[in-house]
Amino acid sequence: MTEFSHLNSAGEANMVDVSAKPNTERVAVAQARVLLSNTLLAKVRNQSIAKGDLLATARIAGIQAAKKCSELIPLCHPLPLSKVTLEIHEFTDQLVAGEGEGEGNCGLEIRALCKTNGKTGVEMEALTAASVAALTIYDMCKAVDKGIVIERVQLLEKHGGKSGAWVRAADAGVNYD
């Protein structure tokens, strides 16, 4: 197992010194899923959420969160982001027969992409963007249903830097241009 880079020789948390690292293009894609009831998903589809344009607000919240990541996560470096995009799509996962009441899990899947040319990666920015977009969806929909679930917040892929590319096997092929 690799040593934790954020611990000094005494085992204390510290910010990693990246000053000697070369600038390289770095890209990360993260995901979060928001499980919604069929009734709530229909309201999202019909754009009838009382607080306003749900998807636009969630995208803007995610972009702002990526830009503020170093203010939220104590040991993150502030990064000059060159691109942040959020895509939000509806999904339906069918349950296996006998596991539920015949209804699939449904909701919104958020994919956040962050890009920079710098000395450290943008994984935390992408994860923060996806997480805050999901929290924004919860906030705007909680009056209708407090049983909303946020799940599968995860890194899907990262490119650049000394460690090169990493892609979660089930999600290979995400377009990050």
N, C-alpha and C. Protein backbone atom coordinates (compact mmCIF):
# COMPACT_ATOMS: atom_id res chain seq x y z
N MET A 1 0.83 -1.18 0.00
CA MET A 1 0.00 0.00 0.00
C MET A 1 0.87 1.25 0.00
N THR A 2 0.46 2.26 -0.75
CA THR A 2 1.19 3.52 -0.84
C THR A 2 1.07 4.31 0.46
N GLU A 3 2.14 5.01 0.80
CA GLU A 3 2.10 5.88 1.98
C GLU A 3 1.15 7.05 1.71
N PHE A 4 0.52 7.55 2.76
CA PHE A 4 -0.35 8.71 2.60
C PHE A 4 0.51 9.95 2.36
N SER A 5 0.23 10.67 1.29
CA SER A 5 1.04 11.83 0.93
C SER A 5 0.78 13.04 1.82
N HIS A 6 -0.33 13.06 2.52
CA HIS A 6 -0.69 14.21 3.34
C HIS A 6 -0.24 14.08 4.80
N LEU A 7 0.60 13.10 5.09
CA LEU A 7 1.15 12.96 6.44
C LEU A 7 2.65 13.21 6.41
N ASN A 8 3.13 13.98 7.35
CA ASN A 8 4.58 14.20 7.43
C ASN A 8 5.24 13.05 8.19
N SER A 9 6.53 13.14 8.41
CA SER A 9 7.26 12.03 9.07
C SER A 9 6.78 11.78 10.49
N ALA A 10 6.16 12.76 11.13
CA ALA A 10 5.63 12.60 12.48
C ALA A 10 4.18 12.11 12.47
N GLY A 11 3.64 11.88 11.28
CA GLY A 11 2.25 11.41 11.18
C GLY A 11 1.22 12.51 11.26
N GLU A 12 1.65 13.76 11.12
CA GLU A 12 0.74 14.90 11.20
C GLU A 12 0.27 15.28 9.80
N ALA A 13 -0.98 15.74 9.73
CA ALA A 13 -1.54 16.18 8.45
C ALA A 13 -0.83 17.45 7.98
N ASN A 14 -0.49 17.48 6.71
CA ASN A 14 0.10 18.68 6.12
C ASN A 14 -0.21 18.72 4.63
N MET A 15 -0.10 19.91 4.07
CA MET A 15 -0.33 20.08 2.63
C MET A 15 0.91 19.62 1.89
N VAL A 16 0.70 18.85 0.83
CA VAL A 16 1.81 18.31 0.05
C VAL A 16 2.49 19.44 -0.73
N ASP A 17 3.81 19.43 -0.77
CA ASP A 17 4.57 20.40 -1.54
C ASP A 17 4.63 19.92 -2.99
N VAL A 18 3.98 20.64 -3.88
CA VAL A 18 3.96 20.25 -5.30
C VAL A 18 4.82 21.16 -6.15
N SER A 19 5.62 22.04 -5.53
CA SER A 19 6.38 23.05 -6.26
C SER A 19 7.36 22.46 -7.27
N ALA A 20 7.90 21.28 -7.03
CA ALA A 20 8.87 20.69 -7.96
C ALA A 20 8.21 19.89 -9.09
N LYS A 21 6.91 19.68 -9.01
CA LYS A 21 6.22 18.89 -10.03
C LYS A 21 6.00 19.72 -11.29
N PRO A 22 6.06 19.08 -12.46
CA PRO A 22 5.80 19.83 -13.70
C PRO A 22 4.30 20.06 -13.90
N ASN A 23 3.98 21.14 -14.60
CA ASN A 23 2.60 21.37 -14.99
C ASN A 23 2.24 20.39 -16.10
N THR A 24 1.12 19.71 -15.96
CA THR A 24 0.60 18.84 -17.02
C THR A 24 -0.91 19.03 -17.08
N GLU A 25 -1.48 18.69 -18.23
CA GLU A 25 -2.93 18.73 -18.33
C GLU A 25 -3.49 17.62 -17.46
N ARG A 26 -4.51 17.96 -16.68
CA ARG A 26 -5.13 17.02 -15.76
C ARG A 26 -6.63 17.10 -15.92
N VAL A 27 -7.26 15.93 -15.96
CA VAL A 27 -8.70 15.84 -16.13
C VAL A 27 -9.23 14.80 -15.16
N ALA A 28 -10.38 15.07 -14.57
CA ALA A 28 -11.04 14.08 -13.72
C ALA A 28 -12.54 14.14 -13.98
N VAL A 29 -13.16 12.96 -13.91
CA VAL A 29 -14.61 12.84 -14.07
C VAL A 29 -15.13 12.09 -12.85
N ALA A 30 -16.14 12.66 -12.20
CA ALA A 30 -16.75 12.04 -11.03
C ALA A 30 -18.26 11.94 -11.23
N GLN A 31 -18.87 11.10 -10.43
CA GLN A 31 -20.30 10.83 -10.54
C GLN A 31 -20.96 10.88 -9.17
N ALA A 32 -22.22 11.25 -9.17
CA ALA A 32 -23.10 11.08 -8.01
C ALA A 32 -24.47 10.73 -8.57
N ARG A 33 -25.20 9.91 -7.84
CA ARG A 33 -26.56 9.56 -8.24
C ARG A 33 -27.53 9.98 -7.14
N VAL A 34 -28.68 10.49 -7.56
CA VAL A 34 -29.71 10.92 -6.64
C VAL A 34 -30.95 10.08 -6.92
N LEU A 35 -31.31 9.21 -5.96
CA LEU A 35 -32.49 8.37 -6.13
C LEU A 35 -33.74 9.17 -5.78
N LEU A 36 -34.71 9.14 -6.69
CA LEU A 36 -35.95 9.89 -6.52
C LEU A 36 -37.14 8.96 -6.68
N SER A 37 -38.24 9.30 -6.06
CA SER A 37 -39.48 8.55 -6.29
C SER A 37 -39.96 8.83 -7.71
N ASN A 38 -40.78 7.95 -8.24
CA ASN A 38 -41.34 8.16 -9.57
C ASN A 38 -42.12 9.47 -9.63
N THR A 39 -42.85 9.79 -8.57
CA THR A 39 -43.64 11.03 -8.51
C THR A 39 -42.73 12.24 -8.60
N LEU A 40 -41.65 12.23 -7.84
CA LEU A 40 -40.72 13.35 -7.84
C LEU A 40 -40.00 13.45 -9.17
N LEU A 41 -39.60 12.32 -9.74
CA LEU A 41 -38.94 12.35 -11.04
C LEU A 41 -39.86 12.93 -12.11
N ALA A 42 -41.15 12.64 -12.03
CA ALA A 42 -42.12 13.22 -12.97
C ALA A 42 -42.16 14.74 -12.82
N LYS A 43 -42.08 15.24 -11.59
CA LYS A 43 -42.07 16.69 -11.36
C LYS A 43 -40.80 17.31 -11.95
N VAL A 44 -39.67 16.61 -11.82
CA VAL A 44 -38.42 17.09 -12.40
C VAL A 44 -38.57 17.15 -13.92
N ARG A 45 -39.08 16.08 -14.50
CA ARG A 45 -39.29 16.00 -15.95
C ARG A 45 -40.18 17.14 -16.46
N ASN A 46 -41.23 17.45 -15.68
CA ASN A 46 -42.19 18.48 -16.07
C ASN A 46 -41.75 19.88 -15.65
N GLN A 47 -40.57 19.98 -15.07
CA GLN A 47 -40.03 21.25 -14.58
C GLN A 47 -41.02 21.95 -13.65
N SER A 48 -41.60 21.16 -12.73
CA SER A 48 -42.58 21.73 -11.80
C SER A 48 -42.10 21.70 -10.35
N ILE A 49 -40.80 21.88 -10.16
CA ILE A 49 -40.24 21.99 -8.82
C ILE A 49 -40.44 23.44 -8.37
N ALA A 50 -41.04 23.63 -7.22
CA ALA A 50 -41.45 24.97 -6.75
C ALA A 50 -40.28 25.95 -6.64
N LYS A 51 -39.08 25.46 -6.35
CA LYS A 51 -37.94 26.37 -6.14
C LYS A 51 -37.31 26.85 -7.44
N GLY A 52 -37.76 26.35 -8.59
CA GLY A 52 -37.24 26.86 -9.86
C GLY A 52 -36.58 25.80 -10.71
N ASP A 53 -35.68 26.24 -11.59
CA ASP A 53 -35.03 25.36 -12.57
C ASP A 53 -34.00 24.48 -11.86
N LEU A 54 -34.43 23.27 -11.54
CA LEU A 54 -33.63 22.34 -10.76
C LEU A 54 -32.29 22.02 -11.41
N LEU A 55 -32.31 21.61 -12.67
CA LEU A 55 -31.08 21.15 -13.32
C LEU A 55 -30.08 22.29 -13.53
N ALA A 56 -30.56 23.46 -13.94
CA ALA A 56 -29.66 24.60 -14.12
C ALA A 56 -29.03 25.00 -12.78
N THR A 57 -29.83 25.02 -11.74
CA THR A 57 -29.33 25.40 -10.42
C THR A 57 -28.30 24.39 -9.92
N ALA A 58 -28.56 23.10 -10.12
CA ALA A 58 -27.61 22.06 -9.70
C ALA A 58 -26.30 22.16 -10.47
N ARG A 59 -26.38 22.43 -11.77
CA ARG A 59 -25.15 22.59 -12.57
C ARG A 59 -24.32 23.78 -12.07
N ILE A 60 -24.98 24.91 -11.84
CA ILE A 60 -24.26 26.10 -11.36
C ILE A 60 -23.66 25.84 -9.98
N ALA A 61 -24.40 25.18 -9.10
CA ALA A 61 -23.88 24.86 -7.77
C ALA A 61 -22.65 23.97 -7.87
N GLY A 62 -22.69 22.99 -8.76
CA GLY A 62 -21.54 22.10 -8.93
C GLY A 62 -20.32 22.84 -9.45
N ILE A 63 -20.52 23.73 -10.41
CA ILE A 63 -19.41 24.52 -10.96
C ILE A 63 -18.80 25.39 -9.86
N GLN A 64 -19.65 26.07 -9.10
CA GLN A 64 -19.14 26.91 -8.02
C GLN A 64 -18.41 26.08 -6.97
N ALA A 65 -18.91 24.90 -6.66
CA ALA A 65 -18.27 24.05 -5.66
C ALA A 65 -16.88 23.63 -6.11
N ALA A 66 -16.73 23.27 -7.39
CA ALA A 66 -15.41 22.89 -7.90
C ALA A 66 -14.43 24.05 -7.73
N LYS A 67 -14.88 25.26 -8.01
CA LYS A 67 -14.02 26.44 -7.89
C LYS A 67 -13.65 26.74 -6.45
N LYS A 68 -14.45 26.29 -5.49
CA LYS A 68 -14.21 26.56 -4.07
C LYS A 68 -13.66 25.34 -3.32
N CYS A 69 -13.29 24.31 -4.01
CA CYS A 69 -12.88 23.05 -3.38
C CYS A 69 -11.79 23.25 -2.33
N SER A 70 -10.78 24.04 -2.63
CA SER A 70 -9.68 24.22 -1.68
C SER A 70 -10.13 24.96 -0.41
N GLU A 71 -11.27 25.64 -0.47
CA GLU A 71 -11.80 26.30 0.73
C GLU A 71 -12.61 25.32 1.58
N LEU A 72 -13.04 24.22 0.98
CA LEU A 72 -13.88 23.24 1.67
C LEU A 72 -13.08 22.05 2.20
N ILE A 73 -12.10 21.60 1.44
CA ILE A 73 -11.28 20.43 1.80
C ILE A 73 -9.93 20.97 2.28
N PRO A 74 -9.61 20.82 3.55
CA PRO A 74 -8.47 21.52 4.15
C PRO A 74 -7.12 21.38 3.45
N LEU A 75 -6.78 20.23 2.91
CA LEU A 75 -5.43 20.04 2.36
C LEU A 75 -5.38 20.11 0.83
N CYS A 76 -6.46 20.53 0.20
CA CYS A 76 -6.47 20.69 -1.26
C CYS A 76 -5.77 21.98 -1.66
N HIS A 77 -5.07 21.91 -2.78
CA HIS A 77 -4.43 23.10 -3.33
C HIS A 77 -5.47 23.89 -4.14
N PRO A 78 -5.41 25.22 -4.10
CA PRO A 78 -6.26 25.99 -5.00
C PRO A 78 -5.76 25.79 -6.44
N LEU A 79 -6.67 25.51 -7.34
CA LEU A 79 -6.27 25.22 -8.72
C LEU A 79 -6.91 26.20 -9.70
N PRO A 80 -6.19 26.56 -10.75
CA PRO A 80 -6.78 27.37 -11.81
C PRO A 80 -7.53 26.44 -12.78
N LEU A 81 -8.80 26.27 -12.55
CA LEU A 81 -9.58 25.36 -13.39
C LEU A 81 -9.79 25.98 -14.77
N SER A 82 -9.56 25.18 -15.80
CA SER A 82 -9.77 25.66 -17.17
C SER A 82 -11.12 25.22 -17.71
N LYS A 83 -11.72 24.21 -17.08
CA LYS A 83 -13.02 23.73 -17.54
C LYS A 83 -13.70 22.98 -16.40
N VAL A 84 -15.00 23.26 -16.23
CA VAL A 84 -15.85 22.49 -15.32
C VAL A 84 -17.18 22.33 -16.03
N THR A 85 -17.60 21.07 -16.22
CA THR A 85 -18.92 20.83 -16.81
C THR A 85 -19.65 19.80 -15.96
N LEU A 86 -20.95 19.95 -15.91
CA LEU A 86 -21.80 18.97 -15.24
C LEU A 86 -22.89 18.54 -16.19
N GLU A 87 -23.05 17.25 -16.34
CA GLU A 87 -24.14 16.68 -17.12
C GLU A 87 -25.04 15.95 -16.14
N ILE A 88 -26.33 16.18 -16.27
CA ILE A 88 -27.30 15.54 -15.38
C ILE A 88 -28.32 14.83 -16.25
N HIS A 89 -28.42 13.51 -16.06
CA HIS A 89 -29.31 12.69 -16.87
C HIS A 89 -30.21 11.84 -15.98
N GLU A 90 -31.37 11.56 -16.47
CA GLU A 90 -32.30 10.65 -15.79
C GLU A 90 -31.81 9.22 -15.98
N PHE A 91 -32.03 8.39 -14.96
CA PHE A 91 -31.72 6.96 -15.10
C PHE A 91 -32.83 6.14 -14.46
N THR A 92 -32.94 4.90 -14.90
CA THR A 92 -33.83 3.92 -14.29
C THR A 92 -33.09 2.60 -14.26
N ASP A 93 -32.94 2.04 -13.07
CA ASP A 93 -32.34 0.72 -12.88
C ASP A 93 -33.47 -0.23 -12.52
N GLN A 94 -33.67 -1.24 -13.32
CA GLN A 94 -34.73 -2.20 -13.03
C GLN A 94 -34.28 -3.15 -11.93
N LEU A 95 -35.15 -3.39 -10.97
CA LEU A 95 -34.84 -4.34 -9.91
C LEU A 95 -34.99 -5.76 -10.44
N VAL A 96 -34.23 -6.68 -9.89
CA VAL A 96 -34.34 -8.08 -10.24
C VAL A 96 -35.66 -8.61 -9.69
N ALA A 97 -36.34 -9.45 -10.45
CA ALA A 97 -37.63 -9.99 -10.02
C ALA A 97 -37.53 -10.56 -8.61
N GLY A 98 -38.50 -10.23 -7.77
CA GLY A 98 -38.53 -10.74 -6.40
C GLY A 98 -37.81 -9.86 -5.40
N GLU A 99 -37.08 -8.81 -5.87
CA GLU A 99 -36.33 -7.96 -4.94
C GLU A 99 -37.10 -6.72 -4.53
N GLY A 100 -38.15 -6.39 -5.22
CA GLY A 100 -38.86 -5.15 -4.89
C GLY A 100 -40.32 -5.29 -5.27
N GLU A 101 -40.96 -4.17 -5.43
CA GLU A 101 -42.37 -4.17 -5.77
C GLU A 101 -42.57 -4.00 -7.27
N GLY A 102 -41.57 -4.40 -8.07
CA GLY A 102 -41.69 -4.30 -9.51
C GLY A 102 -41.27 -2.95 -10.06
N GLU A 103 -40.88 -2.04 -9.19
CA GLU A 103 -40.49 -0.71 -9.62
C GLU A 103 -38.97 -0.60 -9.56
N GLY A 104 -38.38 0.02 -10.56
CA GLY A 104 -36.93 0.18 -10.55
C GLY A 104 -36.50 1.39 -9.75
N ASN A 105 -35.23 1.44 -9.42
CA ASN A 105 -34.67 2.66 -8.83
C ASN A 105 -34.56 3.67 -9.96
N CYS A 106 -34.94 4.90 -9.67
CA CYS A 106 -34.83 5.92 -10.69
C CYS A 106 -34.35 7.21 -10.06
N GLY A 107 -33.89 8.10 -10.89
CA GLY A 107 -33.42 9.37 -10.38
C GLY A 107 -32.57 10.09 -11.39
N LEU A 108 -31.61 10.85 -10.87
CA LEU A 108 -30.73 11.66 -11.69
C LEU A 108 -29.28 11.25 -11.46
N GLU A 109 -28.54 11.11 -12.54
CA GLU A 109 -27.11 10.82 -12.45
C GLU A 109 -26.37 12.08 -12.86
N ILE A 110 -25.42 12.47 -12.03
CA ILE A 110 -24.62 13.67 -12.27
C ILE A 110 -23.21 13.21 -12.64
N ARG A 111 -22.68 13.77 -13.72
CA ARG A 111 -21.28 13.55 -14.08
C ARG A 111 -20.60 14.90 -14.15
N ALA A 112 -19.56 15.06 -13.36
CA ALA A 112 -18.82 16.31 -13.31
C ALA A 112 -17.43 16.09 -13.90
N LEU A 113 -17.03 16.98 -14.77
CA LEU A 113 -15.71 16.94 -15.37
C LEU A 113 -14.97 18.21 -14.98
N CYS A 114 -13.73 18.05 -14.52
CA CYS A 114 -12.87 19.20 -14.21
C CYS A 114 -11.56 19.04 -14.94
N LYS A 115 -11.04 20.18 -15.41
CA LYS A 115 -9.80 20.18 -16.18
C LYS A 115 -8.93 21.34 -15.72
N THR A 116 -7.62 21.09 -15.69
CA THR A 116 -6.66 22.14 -15.38
C THR A 116 -5.33 21.79 -16.03
N ASN A 117 -4.45 22.74 -16.08
CA ASN A 117 -3.06 22.49 -16.44
C ASN A 117 -2.28 22.92 -15.21
N GLY A 118 -1.80 21.95 -14.45
CA GLY A 118 -1.17 22.29 -13.19
C GLY A 118 -0.31 21.19 -12.64
N LYS A 119 0.05 21.35 -11.37
CA LYS A 119 0.98 20.45 -10.69
C LYS A 119 0.29 19.37 -9.87
N THR A 120 -1.00 19.43 -9.73
CA THR A 120 -1.74 18.43 -8.95
C THR A 120 -3.09 18.18 -9.60
N GLY A 121 -3.66 17.03 -9.31
CA GLY A 121 -4.87 16.57 -9.98
C GLY A 121 -6.14 17.29 -9.56
N VAL A 122 -7.20 17.03 -10.32
CA VAL A 122 -8.50 17.69 -10.10
C VAL A 122 -9.57 16.70 -9.66
N GLU A 123 -9.15 15.56 -9.09
CA GLU A 123 -10.13 14.58 -8.63
C GLU A 123 -11.05 15.15 -7.55
N MET A 124 -10.48 15.86 -6.59
CA MET A 124 -11.29 16.39 -5.50
C MET A 124 -12.28 17.45 -6.01
N GLU A 125 -11.86 18.22 -6.99
CA GLU A 125 -12.76 19.23 -7.56
C GLU A 125 -13.94 18.56 -8.25
N ALA A 126 -13.68 17.49 -9.00
CA ALA A 126 -14.76 16.78 -9.69
C ALA A 126 -15.70 16.11 -8.69
N LEU A 127 -15.14 15.48 -7.66
CA LEU A 127 -15.97 14.85 -6.63
C LEU A 127 -16.80 15.88 -5.87
N THR A 128 -16.21 17.02 -5.58
CA THR A 128 -16.93 18.09 -4.88
C THR A 128 -18.05 18.63 -5.75
N ALA A 129 -17.78 18.83 -7.04
CA ALA A 129 -18.80 19.33 -7.96
C ALA A 129 -19.99 18.38 -8.02
N ALA A 130 -19.73 17.09 -8.18
CA ALA A 130 -20.82 16.10 -8.25
C ALA A 130 -21.60 16.05 -6.94
N SER A 131 -20.89 16.10 -5.82
CA SER A 131 -21.54 16.03 -4.50
C SER A 131 -22.43 17.23 -4.24
N VAL A 132 -21.94 18.42 -4.52
CA VAL A 132 -22.72 19.63 -4.24
C VAL A 132 -23.91 19.74 -5.20
N ALA A 133 -23.74 19.31 -6.44
CA ALA A 133 -24.89 19.28 -7.36
C ALA A 133 -25.97 18.34 -6.81
N ALA A 134 -25.56 17.18 -6.29
CA ALA A 134 -26.52 16.24 -5.70
C ALA A 134 -27.19 16.83 -4.46
N LEU A 135 -26.43 17.50 -3.62
CA LEU A 135 -27.01 18.14 -2.43
C LEU A 135 -27.99 19.25 -2.82
N THR A 136 -27.69 19.94 -3.89
CA THR A 136 -28.59 21.00 -4.37
C THR A 136 -29.91 20.40 -4.85
N ILE A 137 -29.83 19.27 -5.55
CA ILE A 137 -31.06 18.58 -5.97
C ILE A 137 -31.87 18.19 -4.75
N TYR A 138 -31.20 17.64 -3.74
CA TYR A 138 -31.90 17.28 -2.50
C TYR A 138 -32.58 18.51 -1.90
N ASP A 139 -31.83 19.59 -1.77
CA ASP A 139 -32.36 20.81 -1.16
C ASP A 139 -33.60 21.32 -1.90
N MET A 140 -33.56 21.30 -3.21
CA MET A 140 -34.67 21.84 -3.99
C MET A 140 -35.87 20.91 -4.04
N CYS A 141 -35.68 19.63 -3.71
CA CYS A 141 -36.77 18.64 -3.81
C CYS A 141 -37.27 18.14 -2.46
N LYS A 142 -36.61 18.50 -1.37
CA LYS A 142 -36.95 17.91 -0.06
C LYS A 142 -38.35 18.25 0.41
N ALA A 143 -38.94 19.34 -0.07
CA ALA A 143 -40.31 19.67 0.32
C ALA A 143 -41.30 18.65 -0.22
N VAL A 144 -40.95 18.02 -1.35
CA VAL A 144 -41.82 17.02 -1.97
C VAL A 144 -41.58 15.64 -1.36
N ASP A 145 -40.30 15.32 -1.09
CA ASP A 145 -39.96 13.98 -0.59
C ASP A 145 -38.65 14.04 0.18
N LYS A 146 -38.69 13.78 1.46
CA LYS A 146 -37.47 13.79 2.27
C LYS A 146 -36.72 12.46 2.21
N GLY A 147 -37.26 11.47 1.51
CA GLY A 147 -36.64 10.16 1.39
C GLY A 147 -35.64 10.04 0.26
N ILE A 148 -35.25 11.14 -0.33
CA ILE A 148 -34.27 11.14 -1.43
C ILE A 148 -32.95 10.56 -0.92
N VAL A 149 -32.29 9.78 -1.75
CA VAL A 149 -31.01 9.17 -1.39
C VAL A 149 -29.94 9.63 -2.38
N ILE A 150 -28.80 10.05 -1.83
CA ILE A 150 -27.63 10.36 -2.66
C ILE A 150 -26.69 9.17 -2.52
N GLU A 151 -26.25 8.63 -3.66
CA GLU A 151 -25.41 7.43 -3.62
C GLU A 151 -24.35 7.47 -4.71
N ARG A 152 -23.43 6.52 -4.60
CA ARG A 152 -22.40 6.29 -5.61
C ARG A 152 -21.64 7.54 -5.99
N VAL A 153 -21.23 8.31 -5.01
CA VAL A 153 -20.31 9.42 -5.28
C VAL A 153 -18.95 8.77 -5.46
N GLN A 154 -18.42 8.89 -6.68
CA GLN A 154 -17.18 8.18 -6.97
C GLN A 154 -16.44 8.80 -8.14
N LEU A 155 -15.13 8.59 -8.13
CA LEU A 155 -14.31 8.99 -9.26
C LEU A 155 -14.50 7.97 -10.37
N LEU A 156 -14.74 8.44 -11.58
CA LEU A 156 -14.88 7.54 -12.73
C LEU A 156 -13.58 7.43 -13.50
N GLU A 157 -12.88 8.55 -13.62
CA GLU A 157 -11.58 8.51 -14.29
C GLU A 157 -10.78 9.75 -14.00
N LYS A 158 -9.45 9.61 -14.17
CA LYS A 158 -8.53 10.74 -14.07
C LYS A 158 -7.42 10.53 -15.07
N HIS A 159 -6.92 11.64 -15.58
CA HIS A 159 -5.84 11.61 -16.59
C HIS A 159 -4.84 12.69 -16.24
N GLY A 160 -3.57 12.39 -16.50
CA GLY A 160 -2.50 13.37 -16.31
C GLY A 160 -1.71 13.12 -15.05
N GLY A 161 -0.58 13.82 -14.98
CA GLY A 161 0.28 13.70 -13.82
C GLY A 161 1.16 12.47 -13.87
N LYS A 162 1.95 12.30 -12.82
CA LYS A 162 2.93 11.21 -12.73
C LYS A 162 2.27 9.83 -12.77
N SER A 163 1.09 9.71 -12.17
CA SER A 163 0.44 8.39 -12.13
C SER A 163 -0.32 8.07 -13.41
N GLY A 164 -0.41 9.03 -14.33
CA GLY A 164 -1.02 8.76 -15.63
C GLY A 164 -2.54 8.65 -15.57
N ALA A 165 -3.07 7.75 -16.38
CA ALA A 165 -4.53 7.60 -16.49
C ALA A 165 -5.03 6.49 -15.58
N TRP A 166 -6.22 6.69 -15.07
CA TRP A 166 -6.94 5.67 -14.31
C TRP A 166 -8.39 5.78 -14.72
N VAL A 167 -9.00 4.64 -15.07
CA VAL A 167 -10.41 4.61 -15.46
C VAL A 167 -11.09 3.48 -14.70
N ARG A 168 -12.22 3.80 -14.07
CA ARG A 168 -13.03 2.77 -13.40
C ARG A 168 -13.53 1.84 -14.49
N ALA A 169 -13.28 0.57 -14.39
CA ALA A 169 -13.53 -0.40 -15.46
C ALA A 169 -14.94 -0.32 -16.06
N ALA A 170 -15.96 -0.24 -15.24
CA ALA A 170 -17.33 -0.26 -15.76
C ALA A 170 -17.71 1.02 -16.49
N ASP A 171 -16.90 2.07 -16.36
CA ASP A 171 -17.26 3.36 -16.93
C ASP A 171 -16.24 3.82 -17.98
N ALA A 172 -15.50 2.92 -18.58
CA ALA A 172 -14.50 3.30 -19.57
C ALA A 172 -15.18 4.02 -20.73
N GLY A 173 -14.47 4.98 -21.29
CA GLY A 173 -14.95 5.62 -22.49
C GLY A 173 -15.72 6.91 -22.29
N VAL A 174 -15.66 7.53 -21.11
CA VAL A 174 -16.32 8.81 -20.91
C VAL A 174 -15.61 9.85 -21.78
N ASN A 175 -16.39 10.64 -22.53
CA ASN A 175 -15.80 11.67 -23.38
C ASN A 175 -15.48 12.89 -22.53
N TYR A 176 -14.23 13.31 -22.46
CA TYR A 176 -13.87 14.43 -21.61
C TYR A 176 -13.31 15.61 -22.41
N ASP A 177 -13.64 15.72 -23.67
CA ASP A 177 -13.20 16.88 -24.47
C ASP A 177 -14.07 18.08 -24.22
